[in-house]
Amino acid sequence: MTSMPHSRAACHAMNALLQTRRVAYEEVAESLEAMMLSVGLNGPALLSDSALALWSTASQMRAAYNPGGTTQADYENMLGWVINKWNPSKLSGSNGFALWSFIPV
């Protein structure tokens, strides 16, 4: 997930595997813990829909398997990652329309 060309696809694949229970959370818990604790080094390379979906799934599963294990610092790490990866200039197309204007809310 740290490779820019493969980040979005890797996040999507991991998220799909977790959500469909093809891979048990227990099998990847250690890797996800490491990713959450050092998100700047081990987190997804790009801010994308699939990266945010993976963060959501991973944090929900972590909370389900380890109630009370997710701390405020974990959420601060994730928010710091989003702020670090956020680049609004890359979200607007050449026609002046922002990409998020096409995403249904």
Protein backbone atom coordinates (compact mmCIF):
# COMPACT_ATOMS: atom_id res chain seq x y z
CA MET A 1 0.00 0.00 0.00
CA THR A 2 2.98 2.29 0.28
CA SER A 3 3.66 2.15 -3.47
CA MET A 4 1.91 5.05 -5.21
CA PRO A 5 0.99 3.19 -8.43
CA HIS A 6 -0.48 0.29 -6.46
CA SER A 7 -1.88 2.03 -3.38
CA ARG A 8 -5.50 2.39 -4.47
CA ALA A 9 -5.77 -1.15 -5.82
CA ALA A 10 -4.06 -2.64 -2.75
CA CYS A 11 -6.37 -0.76 -0.39
CA HIS A 12 -9.42 -1.85 -2.36
CA ALA A 13 -8.27 -5.48 -2.39
CA MET A 14 -7.51 -5.53 1.34
CA ASN A 15 -10.80 -3.83 2.16
CA ALA A 16 -12.74 -6.30 0.02
CA LEU A 17 -10.96 -9.26 1.64
CA LEU A 18 -11.76 -7.96 5.12
CA GLN A 19 -15.38 -7.06 4.40
CA THR A 20 -16.18 -10.38 2.73
CA ARG A 21 -14.35 -12.25 5.51
CA ARG A 22 -12.08 -14.01 2.98
CA VAL A 23 -9.27 -13.06 5.34
CA ALA A 24 -9.95 -13.16 9.05
CA TYR A 25 -9.11 -10.02 10.97
CA GLU A 26 -6.97 -12.09 13.35
CA GLU A 27 -4.71 -13.08 10.45
CA VAL A 28 -3.89 -9.50 9.50
CA ALA A 29 -4.38 -7.78 12.86
CA GLU A 30 -0.65 -7.40 13.48
CA SER A 31 -0.08 -5.78 10.07
CA LEU A 32 -3.05 -3.47 10.48
CA GLU A 33 -1.89 -2.52 13.99
CA ALA A 34 1.55 -1.62 12.62
CA MET A 35 -0.07 0.37 9.82
CA MET A 36 -2.28 2.30 12.25
CA LEU A 37 0.53 3.01 14.70
CA SER A 38 2.99 4.26 12.09
CA VAL A 39 0.63 5.47 9.40
CA GLY A 40 3.12 7.94 7.99
CA LEU A 41 5.53 5.12 7.12
CA ASN A 42 3.28 2.11 6.64
CA GLY A 43 -0.01 3.67 5.59
CA PRO A 44 -1.44 4.00 2.09
CA ALA A 45 0.63 6.15 -0.24
CA LEU A 46 -2.36 8.08 -1.59
CA LEU A 47 -5.50 9.63 -0.23
CA SER A 48 -8.22 7.82 -2.16
CA ASP A 49 -11.70 6.42 -1.72
CA SER A 50 -10.34 2.93 -1.24
CA ALA A 51 -7.78 4.08 1.36
CA LEU A 52 -10.50 5.81 3.37
CA ALA A 53 -12.74 2.74 3.07
CA LEU A 54 -9.90 0.54 4.34
CA TRP A 55 -9.31 2.88 7.29
CA SER A 56 -12.99 2.72 8.12
CA THR A 57 -13.19 -1.07 7.89
CA ALA A 58 -9.94 -1.59 9.82
CA SER A 59 -10.94 0.74 12.65
CA GLN A 60 -14.42 -0.82 12.92
CA MET A 61 -12.99 -4.34 12.99
CA ARG A 62 -10.32 -3.34 15.47
CA ALA A 63 -12.97 -1.89 17.77
CA ALA A 64 -15.14 -5.02 17.40
CA TYR A 65 -12.30 -7.45 18.17
CA ASN A 66 -10.62 -5.34 20.81
CA PRO A 67 -13.15 -3.08 22.55
CA GLY A 68 -11.35 -0.16 24.08
CA GLY A 69 -8.24 -0.91 22.02
CA THR A 70 -8.72 2.04 19.71
CA THR A 71 -7.54 5.21 21.37
CA GLN A 72 -7.83 8.90 20.65
CA ALA A 73 -4.19 8.82 19.50
CA ASP A 74 -5.09 6.26 16.82
CA TYR A 75 -7.73 8.56 15.39
CA GLU A 76 -5.33 11.50 15.61
CA ASN A 77 -2.78 9.46 13.61
CA MET A 78 -5.39 8.73 10.93
CA LEU A 79 -6.47 12.36 10.79
CA GLY A 80 -2.84 13.46 10.56
CA TRP A 81 -2.38 11.08 7.62
CA VAL A 82 -5.43 12.55 5.84
CA ILE A 83 -4.16 16.09 6.39
CA ASN A 84 -0.68 15.10 5.18
CA LYS A 85 -2.00 13.43 2.01
CA TRP A 86 -4.68 16.04 1.23
CA ASN A 87 -3.88 18.07 -1.86
CA PRO A 88 -6.95 19.93 -3.19
CA SER A 89 -5.12 21.06 -6.33
CA LYS A 90 -5.05 17.44 -7.53
CA LEU A 91 -8.81 17.11 -7.13
CA SER A 92 -9.87 19.65 -9.74
CA GLY A 93 -9.92 18.78 -13.40
CA SER A 94 -8.82 20.98 -16.27
CA ASN A 95 -12.43 22.03 -16.84
CA GLY A 96 -12.59 23.67 -13.43
CA PHE A 97 -15.03 21.18 -11.93
CA ALA A 98 -13.96 19.50 -8.75
CA LEU A 99 -14.04 15.71 -8.66
CA TRP A 100 -16.04 15.69 -5.45
CA SER A 101 -18.91 17.49 -7.21
CA PHE A 102 -19.53 14.25 -9.11
CA ILE A 103 -19.54 12.00 -6.08
CA PRO A 104 -23.05 11.46 -4.70
CA VAL A 105 -23.42 12.24 -1.03
